[in-house]
C-alpha atoms as a PDB file:
ATOM      1  CA  MET A   1     184.989-113.420 -26.961  1.00  0.00           C
ATOM      2  CA  ASN A   2     185.442-109.633 -27.001  1.00  0.00           C
ATOM      3  CA  THR A   3     182.861-106.967 -26.193  1.00  0.00           C
ATOM      4  CA  GLY A   4     182.064-106.300 -29.857  1.00  0.00           C
ATOM      5  CA  GLN A   5     181.336-109.962 -30.514  1.00  0.00           C
ATOM      6  CA  THR A   6     179.154-110.127 -27.384  1.00  0.00           C
ATOM      7  CA  LEU A   7     177.118-107.126 -28.478  1.00  0.00           C
ATOM      8  CA  SER A   8     176.841-108.516 -31.995  1.00  0.00           C
ATOM      9  CA  PHE A   9     175.540-111.869 -30.715  1.00  0.00           C
ATOM     10  CA  SER A  10     173.177-110.103 -28.320  1.00  0.00           C
ATOM     11  CA  GLY A  11     171.869-107.971 -31.163  1.00  0.00           C
ATOM     12  CA  TRP A  12     171.383-111.068 -33.305  1.00  0.00           C
ATOM     13  CA  LEU A  13     169.343-112.711 -30.549  1.00  0.00           C
ATOM     14  CA  GLN A  14     167.277-109.591 -30.029  1.00  0.00           C
ATOM     15  CA  ALA A  15     166.573-109.330 -33.762  1.00  0.00           C
ATOM     16  CA  HIS A  16     165.365-112.929 -33.924  1.00  0.00           C
ATOM     17  CA  ALA A  17     163.297-112.517 -30.763  1.00  0.00           C
ATOM     18  CA  HIS A  18     161.689-109.408 -32.232  1.00  0.00           C
ATOM     19  CA  VAL A  19     160.855-111.229 -35.484  1.00  0.00           C
ATOM     20  CA  ALA A  20     159.423-114.195 -33.545  1.00  0.00           C
ATOM     21  CA  ARG A  21     157.181-111.897 -31.478  1.00  0.00           C
ATOM     22  CA  ASP A  22     156.112-110.024 -34.604  1.00  0.00           C
ATOM     23  CA  SER A  23     155.268-113.298 -36.395  1.00  0.00           C
ATOM     24  CA  LEU A  24     153.192-114.463 -33.435  1.00  0.00           C
ATOM     25  CA  ALA A  25     151.402-111.108 -33.341  1.00  0.00           C
ATOM     26  CA  ARG A  26     150.546-111.417 -37.041  1.00  0.00           C
ATOM     27  CA  LEU A  27     149.044-114.857 -36.364  1.00  0.00           C
ATOM     28  CA  ARG A  28     146.838-113.262 -33.728  1.00  0.00           C
ATOM     29  CA  VAL A  29     145.795-110.458 -36.091  1.00  0.00           C
ATOM     30  CA  ASN A  30     144.666-113.051 -38.647  1.00  0.00           C
ATOM     31  CA  GLY A  31     143.086-115.032 -35.822  1.00  0.00           C
ATOM     32  CA  LEU A  32     140.353-117.024 -37.538  1.00  0.00           C
ATOM     33  CA  SER A  33     142.231-117.834 -40.742  1.00  0.00           C
ATOM     34  CA  SER A  34     145.385-118.720 -38.790  1.00  0.00           C
ATOM     35  CA  LEU A  35     143.392-120.920 -36.408  1.00  0.00           C
ATOM     36  CA  LEU A  36     141.695-122.779 -39.260  1.00  0.00           C
ATOM     37  CA  THR A  37     145.043-123.342 -40.987  1.00  0.00           C
ATOM     38  CA  ILE A  38     146.633-124.648 -37.789  1.00  0.00           C
ATOM     39  CA  LEU A  39     143.649-126.914 -37.050  1.00  0.00           C
ATOM     40  CA  MET A  40     143.718-128.343 -40.574  1.00  0.00           C
ATOM     41  CA  MET A  41     147.437-129.050 -40.315  1.00  0.00           C
ATOM     42  CA  GLY A  42     146.996-130.526 -36.832  1.00  0.00           C
ATOM     43  CA  CYS A  43     144.277-132.889 -38.050  1.00  0.00           C
ATOM     44  CA  ALA A  44     146.459-133.938 -40.982  1.00  0.00           C
ATOM     45  CA  LEU A  45     149.308-134.781 -38.600  1.00  0.00           C
ATOM     46  CA  SER A  46     147.148-136.451 -35.943  1.00  0.00           C
ATOM     47  CA  LEU A  47     145.728-139.099 -38.281  1.00  0.00           C
ATOM     48  CA  PRO A  48     148.972-140.943 -39.173  1.00  0.00           C
ATOM     49  CA  THR A  49     150.267-140.372 -35.642  1.00  0.00           C
ATOM     50  CA  THR A  50     147.180-142.015 -34.132  1.00  0.00           C
ATOM     51  CA  LEU A  51     147.524-144.960 -36.505  1.00  0.00           C
ATOM     52  CA  TRP A  52     151.203-145.240 -35.583  1.00  0.00           C
ATOM     53  CA  VAL A  53     150.377-145.308 -31.859  1.00  0.00           C
ATOM     54  CA  LEU A  54     147.717-147.975 -32.444  1.00  0.00           C
ATOM     55  CA  THR A  55     150.164-150.040 -34.503  1.00  0.00           C
ATOM     56  CA  GLN A  56     152.772-149.784 -31.735  1.00  0.00           C
ATOM     57  CA  ASN A  57     150.181-150.892 -29.183  1.00  0.00           C
ATOM     58  CA  ALA A  58     149.158-153.818 -31.375  1.00  0.00           C
ATOM     59  CA  THR A  59     152.792-154.862 -31.757  1.00  0.00           C
ATOM     60  CA  LEU A  60     153.351-154.782 -27.986  1.00  0.00           C
ATOM     61  CA  ALA A  61     150.108-156.669 -27.388  1.00  0.00           C
ATOM     62  CA  SER A  62     151.056-159.296 -29.966  1.00  0.00           C
ATOM     63  CA  HIS A  63     154.286-159.986 -28.051  1.00  0.00           C
ATOM     64  CA  ASP A  64     152.261-160.629 -24.892  1.00  0.00           C
ATOM     65  CA  TRP A  65     149.781-162.791 -26.792  1.00  0.00           C
ATOM     66  CA  GLN A  66     152.582-164.797 -28.367  1.00  0.00           C
ATOM     67  CA  ARG A  67     153.751-165.751 -24.892  1.00  0.00           C
ATOM     68  CA  GLN A  68     150.489-167.712 -24.592  1.00  0.00           C
ATOM     69  CA  PHE A  69     151.031-169.367 -27.986  1.00  0.00           C
ATOM     70  CA  SER A  70     152.563-172.848 -27.849  1.00  0.00           C
ATOM     71  CA  LEU A  71     153.830-175.632 -30.087  1.00  0.00           C
ATOM     72  CA  THR A  72     152.885-179.224 -29.276  1.00  0.00           C
ATOM     73  CA  LEU A  73     155.182-182.134 -30.111  1.00  0.00           C
ATOM     74  CA  TYR A  74     153.688-185.640 -29.714  1.00  0.00           C
ATOM     75  CA  LEU A  75     156.488-188.088 -29.008  1.00  0.00           C
ATOM     76  CA  SER A  76     156.786-191.610 -30.306  1.00  0.00           C
ATOM     77  CA  GLN A  77     155.651-194.398 -27.988  1.00  0.00           C
ATOM     78  CA  ARG A  78     159.217-195.766 -28.164  1.00  0.00           C
ATOM     79  CA  ILE A  79     160.585-192.725 -26.316  1.00  0.00           C
ATOM     80  CA  ASN A  80     160.909-193.127 -22.554  1.00  0.00           C
ATOM     81  CA  GLU A  81     160.867-190.280 -20.036  1.00  0.00           C
ATOM     82  CA  ARG A  82     164.664-189.932 -19.855  1.00  0.00           C
ATOM     83  CA  GLN A  83     164.907-189.624 -23.635  1.00  0.00           C
ATOM     84  CA  GLY A  84     162.010-187.177 -23.639  1.00  0.00           C
ATOM     85  CA  GLN A  85     163.723-184.962 -21.071  1.00  0.00           C
ATOM     86  CA  GLN A  86     166.939-185.054 -23.121  1.00  0.00           C
ATOM     87  CA  LEU A  87     165.008-184.031 -26.222  1.00  0.00           C
ATOM     88  CA  LEU A  88     163.383-181.184 -24.301  1.00  0.00           C
ATOM     89  CA  ALA A  89     166.791-179.933 -23.115  1.00  0.00           C
ATOM     90  CA  GLU A  90     168.026-179.982 -26.710  1.00  0.00           C
ATOM     91  CA  LEU A  91     164.976-178.119 -28.022  1.00  0.00           C
ATOM     92  CA  LYS A  92     165.232-175.434 -25.327  1.00  0.00           C
ATOM     93  CA  ARG A  93     168.649-174.522 -26.699  1.00  0.00           C
ATOM     94  CA  ASP A  94     167.060-173.498 -30.000  1.00  0.00           C
ATOM     95  CA  PRO A  95     167.138-169.674 -30.446  1.00  0.00           C
ATOM     96  CA  LEU A  96     163.409-169.629 -31.268  1.00  0.00           C
ATOM     97  CA  VAL A  97     162.366-171.335 -28.017  1.00  0.00           C
ATOM     98  CA  GLU A  98     161.756-169.297 -24.874  1.00  0.00           C
ATOM     99  CA  ARG A  99     160.708-172.175 -22.595  1.00  0.00           C
ATOM    100  CA  GLY A 100     159.404-175.718 -22.736  1.00  0.00           C
ATOM    101  CA  GLU A 101     157.695-178.399 -20.673  1.00  0.00           C
ATOM    102  CA  TYR A 102     157.688-182.200 -20.800  1.00  0.00           C
ATOM    103  CA  LEU A 103     154.416-184.016 -20.072  1.00  0.00           C
ATOM    104  CA  SER A 104     154.601-187.746 -19.454  1.00  0.00           C
ATOM    105  CA  PRO A 105     151.844-190.028 -20.803  1.00  0.00           C
ATOM    106  CA  LYS A 106     150.402-190.139 -17.285  1.00  0.00           C
ATOM    107  CA  ALA A 107     150.361-186.321 -17.012  1.00  0.00           C
ATOM    108  CA  THR A 108     148.885-186.040 -20.497  1.00  0.00           C
ATOM    109  CA  LEU A 109     146.077-188.433 -19.570  1.00  0.00           C
ATOM    110  CA  ALA A 110     145.356-186.522 -16.352  1.00  0.00           C
ATOM    111  CA  GLU A 111     145.177-183.230 -18.240  1.00  0.00           C
ATOM    112  CA  PHE A 112     142.927-184.756 -20.882  1.00  0.00           C
ATOM    113  CA  ARG A 113     140.690-186.152 -18.149  1.00  0.00           C
ATOM    114  CA  ASP A 114     140.317-182.710 -16.559  1.00  0.00           C
ATOM    115  CA  TYR A 115     139.437-180.874 -19.764  1.00  0.00           C
ATOM    116  CA  SER A 116     137.472-183.485 -21.712  1.00  0.00           C
ATOM    117  CA  GLY A 117     134.931-184.619 -19.121  1.00  0.00           C
ATOM    118  CA  PHE A 118     135.415-188.259 -20.206  1.00  0.00           C
ATOM    119  CA  GLY A 119     136.809-189.395 -16.863  1.00  0.00           C
ATOM    120  CA  ARG A 120     134.584-192.473 -16.507  1.00  0.00           C
ATOM    121  CA  ALA A 121     135.207-193.597 -20.070  1.00  0.00           C
ATOM    122  CA  LEU A 122     138.949-193.252 -19.607  1.00  0.00           C
ATOM    123  CA  ASP A 123     138.789-195.390 -16.459  1.00  0.00           C
ATOM    124  CA  LEU A 124     137.585-198.290 -18.620  1.00  0.00           C
ATOM    125  CA  LEU A 125     140.810-198.280 -20.646  1.00  0.00           C
ATOM    126  CA  GLU A 126     143.390-200.850 -19.614  1.00  0.00           C
ATOM    127  CA  ASP A 127     146.313-199.032 -21.228  1.00  0.00           C
ATOM    128  CA  ASN A 128     147.061-195.350 -21.598  1.00  0.00           C
ATOM    129  CA  PRO A 129     146.741-194.563 -25.336  1.00  0.00           C
ATOM    130  CA  LEU A 130     148.166-191.038 -25.063  1.00  0.00           C
ATOM    131  CA  PRO A 131     151.826-190.325 -25.862  1.00  0.00           C
ATOM    132  CA  ALA A 132     154.260-188.129 -24.012  1.00  0.00           C
ATOM    133  CA  VAL A 133     154.123-184.507 -25.108  1.00  0.00           C
ATOM    134  CA  ILE A 134     156.591-181.651 -25.249  1.00  0.00           C
ATOM    135  CA  VAL A 135     155.049-178.169 -25.172  1.00  0.00           C
ATOM    136  CA  LEU A 136     157.223-175.300 -26.396  1.00  0.00           C
ATOM    137  CA  TRP A 137     156.603-171.559 -26.158  1.00  0.00           C
ATOM    138  CA  PRO A 138     158.361-169.564 -28.876  1.00  0.00           C
ATOM    139  CA  LYS A 139     160.078-166.269 -28.150  1.00  0.00           C
ATOM    140  CA  PRO A 140     158.041-163.089 -28.781  1.00  0.00           C
ATOM    141  CA  GLY A 141     158.624-161.692 -32.237  1.00  0.00           C
ATOM    142  CA  THR A 142     158.892-165.105 -33.894  1.00  0.00           C
ATOM    143  CA  ASP A 143     157.046-164.886 -37.199  1.00  0.00           C
ATOM    144  CA  ALA A 144     154.891-167.523 -38.882  1.00  0.00           C
ATOM    145  CA  ALA A 145     157.537-168.469 -41.463  1.00  0.00           C
ATOM    146  CA  GLN A 146     160.073-169.253 -38.724  1.00  0.00           C
ATOM    147  CA  LEU A 147     157.497-171.337 -36.861  1.00  0.00           C
ATOM    148  CA  ASP A 148     156.608-173.309 -39.985  1.00  0.00           C
ATOM    149  CA  ALA A 149     160.276-174.049 -40.657  1.00  0.00           C
ATOM    150  CA  PHE A 150     160.797-175.078 -37.023  1.00  0.00           C
ATOM    151  CA  LEU A 151     157.764-177.385 -37.081  1.00  0.00           C
ATOM    152  CA  ALA A 152     158.871-179.004 -40.338  1.00  0.00           C
ATOM    153  CA  LYS A 153     162.297-179.652 -38.823  1.00  0.00           C
ATOM    154  CA  GLN A 154     160.792-181.259 -35.711  1.00  0.00           C
ATOM    155  CA  HIS A 155     158.291-183.306 -37.691  1.00  0.00           C
ATOM    156  CA  ALA A 156     161.201-184.921 -39.532  1.00  0.00           C
ATOM    157  CA  ARG A 157     162.625-186.292 -36.270  1.00  0.00           C
ATOM    158  CA  THR A 158     162.117-189.981 -35.623  1.00  0.00           C
ATOM    159  CA  GLU A 159     161.408-189.282 -31.948  1.00  0.00           C
ATOM    160  CA  ILE A 160     158.375-187.135 -32.844  1.00  0.00           C
ATOM    161  CA  ASP A 161     155.207-188.536 -34.383  1.00  0.00           C
ATOM    162  CA  LEU A 162     153.411-185.209 -34.823  1.00  0.00           C
ATOM    163  CA  ALA A 163     154.335-181.538 -34.486  1.00  0.00           C
ATOM    164  CA  GLN A 164     151.524-179.026 -34.638  1.00  0.00           C
ATOM    165  CA  ALA A 165     150.627-175.440 -33.837  1.00  0.00           C
ATOM    166  CA  ASP A 166     147.650-173.257 -34.552  1.00  0.00           C
ATOM    167  CA  SER A 167     149.688-170.552 -36.292  1.00  0.00           C
ATOM    168  CA  ASP A 168     146.972-169.294 -38.638  1.00  0.00           C
ATOM    169  CA  TRP A 169     146.037-166.448 -36.277  1.00  0.00           C
ATOM    170  CA  LEU A 170     149.719-165.533 -35.950  1.00  0.00           C
ATOM    171  CA  GLU A 171     150.059-165.284 -39.724  1.00  0.00           C
ATOM    172  CA  ARG A 172     146.977-163.067 -39.913  1.00  0.00           C
ATOM    173  CA  LEU A 173     148.247-160.883 -37.070  1.00  0.00           C
ATOM    174  CA  SER A 174     151.683-160.491 -38.667  1.00  0.00           C
ATOM    175  CA  ALA A 175     150.114-159.576 -42.001  1.00  0.00           C
ATOM    176  CA  LEU A 176     147.796-157.075 -40.318  1.00  0.00           C
ATOM    177  CA  LEU A 177     150.671-155.420 -38.440  1.00  0.00           C
ATOM    178  CA  GLU A 178     152.740-155.214 -41.617  1.00  0.00           C
ATOM    179  CA  PHE A 179     149.797-153.643 -43.426  1.00  0.00           C
ATOM    180  CA  GLY A 180     149.322-151.146 -40.593  1.00  0.00           C
ATOM    181  CA  THR A 181     152.999-150.180 -40.662  1.00  0.00           C
ATOM    182  CA  ARG A 182     152.969-149.606 -44.415  1.00  0.00           C
ATOM    183  CA  LEU A 183     149.714-147.647 -44.168  1.00  0.00           C
ATOM    184  CA  VAL A 184     151.211-145.364 -41.516  1.00  0.00           C
ATOM    185  CA  GLN A 185     154.283-144.769 -43.675  1.00  0.00           C
ATOM    186  CA  ILE A 186     152.255-143.921 -46.771  1.00  0.00           C
ATOM    187  CA  MET A 187     149.751-141.727 -44.931  1.00  0.00           C
ATOM    188  CA  GLY A 188     152.515-139.993 -42.999  1.00  0.00           C
ATOM    189  CA  LEU A 189     154.348-139.177 -46.222  1.00  0.00           C
ATOM    190  CA  MET A 190     151.244-137.933 -48.029  1.00  0.00           C
ATOM    191  CA  LEU A 191     149.841-135.886 -45.145  1.00  0.00           C
ATOM    192  CA  GLY A 192     153.276-134.529 -44.259  1.00  0.00           C
ATOM    193  CA  LEU A 193     153.590-133.288 -47.831  1.00  0.00           C
ATOM    194  CA  THR A 194     150.108-131.794 -47.470  1.00  0.00           C
ATOM    195  CA  VAL A 195     151.218-129.858 -44.383  1.00  0.00           C
ATOM    196  CA  ILE A 196     154.241-128.484 -46.251  1.00  0.00           C
ATOM    197  CA  LEU A 197     152.073-127.401 -49.178  1.00  0.00           C
ATOM    198  CA  VAL A 198     149.514-125.750 -46.877  1.00  0.00           C
ATOM    199  CA  VAL A 199     152.263-123.736 -45.192  1.00  0.00           C
ATOM    200  CA  ALA A 200     153.793-122.851 -48.558  1.00  0.00           C
ATOM    201  CA  ASN A 201     150.472-121.548 -49.869  1.00  0.00           C
ATOM    202  CA  THR A 202     149.745-119.628 -46.653  1.00  0.00           C
ATOM    203  CA  ILE A 203     153.153-117.942 -46.728  1.00  0.00           C
ATOM    204  CA  ARG A 204     152.686-117.141 -50.421  1.00  0.00           C
ATOM    205  CA  LEU A 205     149.502-115.255 -49.542  1.00  0.00           C
ATOM    206  CA  ASN A 206     151.337-113.463 -46.730  1.00  0.00           C
ATOM    207  CA  ILE A 207     154.064-112.420 -49.147  1.00  0.00           C
ATOM    208  CA  GLU A 208     151.512-111.068 -51.606  1.00  0.00           C
ATOM    209  CA  SER A 209     149.757-109.105 -48.860  1.00  0.00           C
ATOM    210  CA  ARG A 210     153.081-107.499 -47.877  1.00  0.00           C
ATOM    211  CA  ARG A 211     154.371-106.896 -51.407  1.00  0.00           C
ATOM    212  CA  GLU A 212     154.637-103.118 -51.006  1.00  0.00           C
ATOM    213  CA  GLU A 213     156.471-103.487 -47.699  1.00  0.00           C
ATOM    214  CA  ILE A 214     158.931-105.897 -49.317  1.00  0.00           C
ATOM    215  CA  VAL A 215     159.530-103.515 -52.234  1.00  0.00           C
ATOM    216  CA  VAL A 216     160.331-100.689 -49.809  1.00  0.00           C
ATOM    217  CA  MET A 217     162.756-102.897 -47.855  1.00  0.00           C
ATOM    218  CA  LYS A 218     164.542-103.859 -51.064  1.00  0.00           C
ATOM    219  CA  LEU A 219     164.733-100.182 -52.093  1.00  0.00           C
ATOM    220  CA  ILE A 220     166.544 -99.243 -48.886  1.00  0.00           C
ATOM    221  CA  GLY A 221     168.939-102.178 -49.320  1.00  0.00           C
ATOM    222  CA  ALA A 222     167.631-104.658 -46.746  1.00  0.00           C
ATOM    223  CA  PRO A 223     169.439-108.014 -47.080  1.00  0.00           C
ATOM    224  CA  ASP A 224     167.496-111.060 -48.300  1.00  0.00           C
ATOM    225  CA  GLY A 225     167.889-112.805 -44.939  1.00  0.00           C
ATOM    226  CA  PHE A 226     166.240-109.899 -43.139  1.00  0.00           C
ATOM    227  CA  ILE A 227     163.283-109.930 -45.564  1.00  0.00           C
ATOM    228  CA  GLN A 228     162.870-113.710 -45.456  1.00  0.00           C
ATOM    229  CA  ARG A 229     163.139-114.087 -41.684  1.00  0.00           C
ATOM    230  CA  PRO A 230     159.548-113.116 -40.711  1.00  0.00           C
ATOM    231  CA  PHE A 231     158.043-115.551 -43.199  1.00  0.00           C
ATOM    232  CA  LEU A 232     160.302-118.399 -42.076  1.00  0.00           C
ATOM    233  CA  TYR A 233     159.332-117.746 -38.465  1.00  0.00           C
ATOM    234  CA  SER A 234     155.649-117.662 -39.433  1.00  0.00           C
ATOM    235  CA  GLY A 235     155.922-121.023 -41.196  1.00  0.00           C
ATOM    236  CA  THR A 236     157.764-122.520 -38.235  1.00  0.00           C
ATOM    237  CA  LEU A 237     155.095-121.240 -35.843  1.00  0.00           C
ATOM    238  CA  TYR A 238     152.350-122.709 -38.018  1.00  0.00           C
ATOM    239  CA  GLY A 239     154.113-126.061 -37.885  1.00  0.00           C
ATOM    240  CA  LEU A 240     154.894-125.930 -34.177  1.00  0.00           C
ATOM    241  CA  LEU A 241     151.339-125.027 -33.161  1.00  0.00           C
ATOM    242  CA  SER A 242     149.884-127.646 -35.499  1.00  0.00           C
ATOM    243  CA  GLY A 243     152.155-130.217 -33.827  1.00  0.00           C
ATOM    244  CA  VAL A 244     150.703-129.278 -30.442  1.00  0.00           C
ATOM    245  CA  ILE A 245     147.183-129.592 -31.871  1.00  0.00           C
ATOM    246  CA  ALA A 246     148.120-132.991 -33.327  1.00  0.00           C
ATOM    247  CA  CYS A 247     149.276-134.219 -29.900  1.00  0.00           C
ATOM    248  CA  LEU A 248     145.980-133.124 -28.368  1.00  0.00           C
ATOM    249  CA  GLY A 249     144.068-134.773 -31.214  1.00  0.00           C
ATOM    250  CA  VAL A 250     145.912-138.058 -30.697  1.00  0.00           C
ATOM    251  CA  ALA A 251     145.201-137.988 -26.948  1.00  0.00           C
ATOM    252  CA  LEU A 252     141.498-137.277 -27.448  1.00  0.00           C
ATOM    253  CA  THR A 253     141.142-139.928 -30.160  1.00  0.00           C
ATOM    254  CA  LEU A 254     142.844-142.626 -28.102  1.00  0.00           C
ATOM    255  CA  ASN A 255     140.747-141.720 -25.071  1.00  0.00           C
ATOM    256  CA  ALA A 256     137.586-142.152 -27.149  1.00  0.00           C
ATOM    257  CA  LEU A 257     138.787-145.456 -28.651  1.00  0.00           C
ATOM    258  CA  THR A 258     140.029-147.085 -25.429  1.00  0.00           C
ATOM    259  CA  PRO A 259     136.712-148.635 -24.227  1.00  0.00           C
ATOM    260  CA  HIS A 260     135.938-149.975 -27.699  1.00  0.00           C
ATOM    261  CA  LEU A 261     139.405-151.512 -28.114  1.00  0.00           C
ATOM    262  CA  ASP A 262     139.157-153.066 -24.653  1.00  0.00           C
ATOM    263  CA  ALA A 263     135.822-154.635 -25.613  1.00  0.00           C
ATOM    264  CA  LEU A 264     137.285-155.909 -28.900  1.00  0.00           C
ATOM    265  CA  ALA A 265     140.271-157.491 -27.166  1.00  0.00           C
ATOM    266  CA  ALA A 266     138.024-159.027 -24.498  1.00  0.00           C
ATOM    267  CA  SER A 267     135.864-160.651 -27.179  1.00  0.00           C
ATOM    268  CA  TYR A 268     138.961-162.626 -28.232  1.00  0.00           C
ATOM    269  CA  GLY A 269     139.810-163.486 -24.652  1.00  0.00           C
ATOM    270  CA  ARG A 270     142.718-161.037 -24.582  1.00  0.00           C
ATOM    271  CA  ALA A 271     143.589-157.959 -22.563  1.00  0.00           C
ATOM    272  CA  MET A 272     144.973-154.755 -24.061  1.00  0.00           C
ATOM    273  CA  ASP A 273     146.413-151.859 -22.096  1.00  0.00           C
ATOM    274  CA  LEU A 274     146.312-148.997 -24.596  1.00  0.00           C
ATOM    275  CA  GLN A 275     149.355-146.741 -24.294  1.00  0.00           C
ATOM    276  CA  GLY A 276     149.167-143.133 -25.445  1.00  0.00           C
ATOM    277  CA  LEU A 277     151.747-140.998 -27.191  1.00  0.00           C
ATOM    278  CA  ALA A 278     154.886-140.910 -25.056  1.00  0.00           C
ATOM    279  CA  LEU A 279     156.309-137.533 -24.017  1.00  0.00           C
ATOM    280  CA  GLY A 280     159.436-138.059 -26.082  1.00  0.00           C
ATOM    281  CA  ASP A 281     157.419-139.008 -29.149  1.00  0.00           C
ATOM    282  CA  GLY A 282     155.175-135.973 -28.630  1.00  0.00           C
ATOM    283  CA  ILE A 283     158.209-133.685 -28.550  1.00  0.00           C
ATOM    284  CA  LYS A 284     159.503-135.317 -31.721  1.00  0.00           C
ATOM    285  CA  LEU A 285     156.127-134.782 -33.400  1.00  0.00           C
ATOM    286  CA  VAL A 286     156.081-131.083 -32.479  1.00  0.00           C
ATOM    287  CA  GLY A 287     159.670-130.685 -33.659  1.00  0.00           C
ATOM    288  CA  LEU A 288     158.959-132.492 -36.924  1.00  0.00           C
ATOM    289  CA  ALA A 289     155.867-130.354 -37.497  1.00  0.00           C
ATOM    290  CA  ALA A 290     157.907-127.183 -36.893  1.00  0.00           C
ATOM    291  CA  LEU A 291     160.514-128.428 -39.375  1.00  0.00           C
ATOM    292  CA  MET A 292     157.843-129.116 -41.999  1.00  0.00           C
ATOM    293  CA  GLY A 293     156.461-125.626 -41.432  1.00  0.00           C
ATOM    294  CA  TRP A 294     159.932-124.152 -41.955  1.00  0.00           C
ATOM    295  CA  VAL A 295     160.437-126.210 -45.131  1.00  0.00           C
ATOM    296  CA  GLY A 296     157.087-125.070 -46.537  1.00  0.00           C
ATOM    297  CA  ALA A 297     157.870-121.442 -45.706  1.00  0.00           C
ATOM    298  CA  TRP A 298     161.377-121.656 -47.180  1.00  0.00           C
ATOM    299  CA  GLN A 299     160.026-123.165 -50.400  1.00  0.00           C
ATOM    300  CA  SER A 300     157.447-120.388 -50.708  1.00  0.00           C
ATOM    301  CA  VAL A 301     159.966-117.644 -49.887  1.00  0.00           C
ATOM    302  CA  TRP A 302     162.477-119.008 -52.393  1.00  0.00           C
ATOM    303  CA  ARG A 303     159.867-119.148 -55.156  1.00  0.00           C
ATOM    304  CA  ASN A 304     158.054-115.846 -54.550  1.00  0.00           C
ATOM    305  CA  LEU A 305     160.403-113.254 -53.059  1.00  0.00           C
ATOM    306  CA  ARG A 306     162.798-113.322 -55.997  1.00  0.00           C
ATOM    307  CA  HIS A 307     159.987-112.160 -58.298  1.00  0.00           C
ATOM    308  CA  ILE A 308     159.316-109.038 -56.226  1.00  0.00           C
ATOM    309  CA  GLU A 309     161.653-106.255 -57.328  1.00  0.00           C
ATOM    310  CA  PRO A 310     161.409-102.434 -57.229  1.00  0.00           C
ATOM    311  CA  GLU A 311     160.315-101.000 -60.551  1.00  0.00           C
END
């Protein structure tokens, strides 16, 4: 790179730095109106982001809760312990199964005695009426449809008299998570479009307030890129600052919701460790907000500057 190219690149950087400082100074001059615009955009971005974080937390929590969810297979009385262990080994090779346990009729009776409180009544029985049981824990992420198909397959086995699982709550949880994901997508799209339109309207007003300045620049032959640059920087700054506000809004909202979500999870006998917005996700949010600000500014510049011409 020769000296001329170095100076040219240095001048380009200085020009952009000057425009960025000037755009920030104009935001300060219009302090209250700029602040209200940025706060409105930040609130619009924080709502879908907060819902997304809550949905991600619910998904992670559901994986932990599913580890406590089990399928119970009641074996036929004709199956001895060796055959039961062989069946368990076969079932554990299924891709849906994370782990399994074989309970002999004696172990099943002992467990029933501990939890039922009918110890004395059970002592009166001459024979053990309870069958051997295989308990399976499905892998996290297994949905209700897969569990139903798996249970139907096991129920058809001659070695198994009954296959059951309380999967109703899993179906409701899966449906709720799917609804939350779709809601976040729709709200994110709508409110993101709102942010772009807010920036576009704000930049349109800025263009109108600087109409005479723009006319003078066009009269002296200023290139379109030079005229557009301050407005594009202003839109980007609006977006960037609103992204920062959105991150703060998400943090404050989650902090306020944490005790209530903990109480809700505890009422169902569950624990929930609420995770906030990760640093990487926060940076992505700020970057996306800056991009939306630039898009809104570009759309406004493209529509309005071409109509301003010297008479």
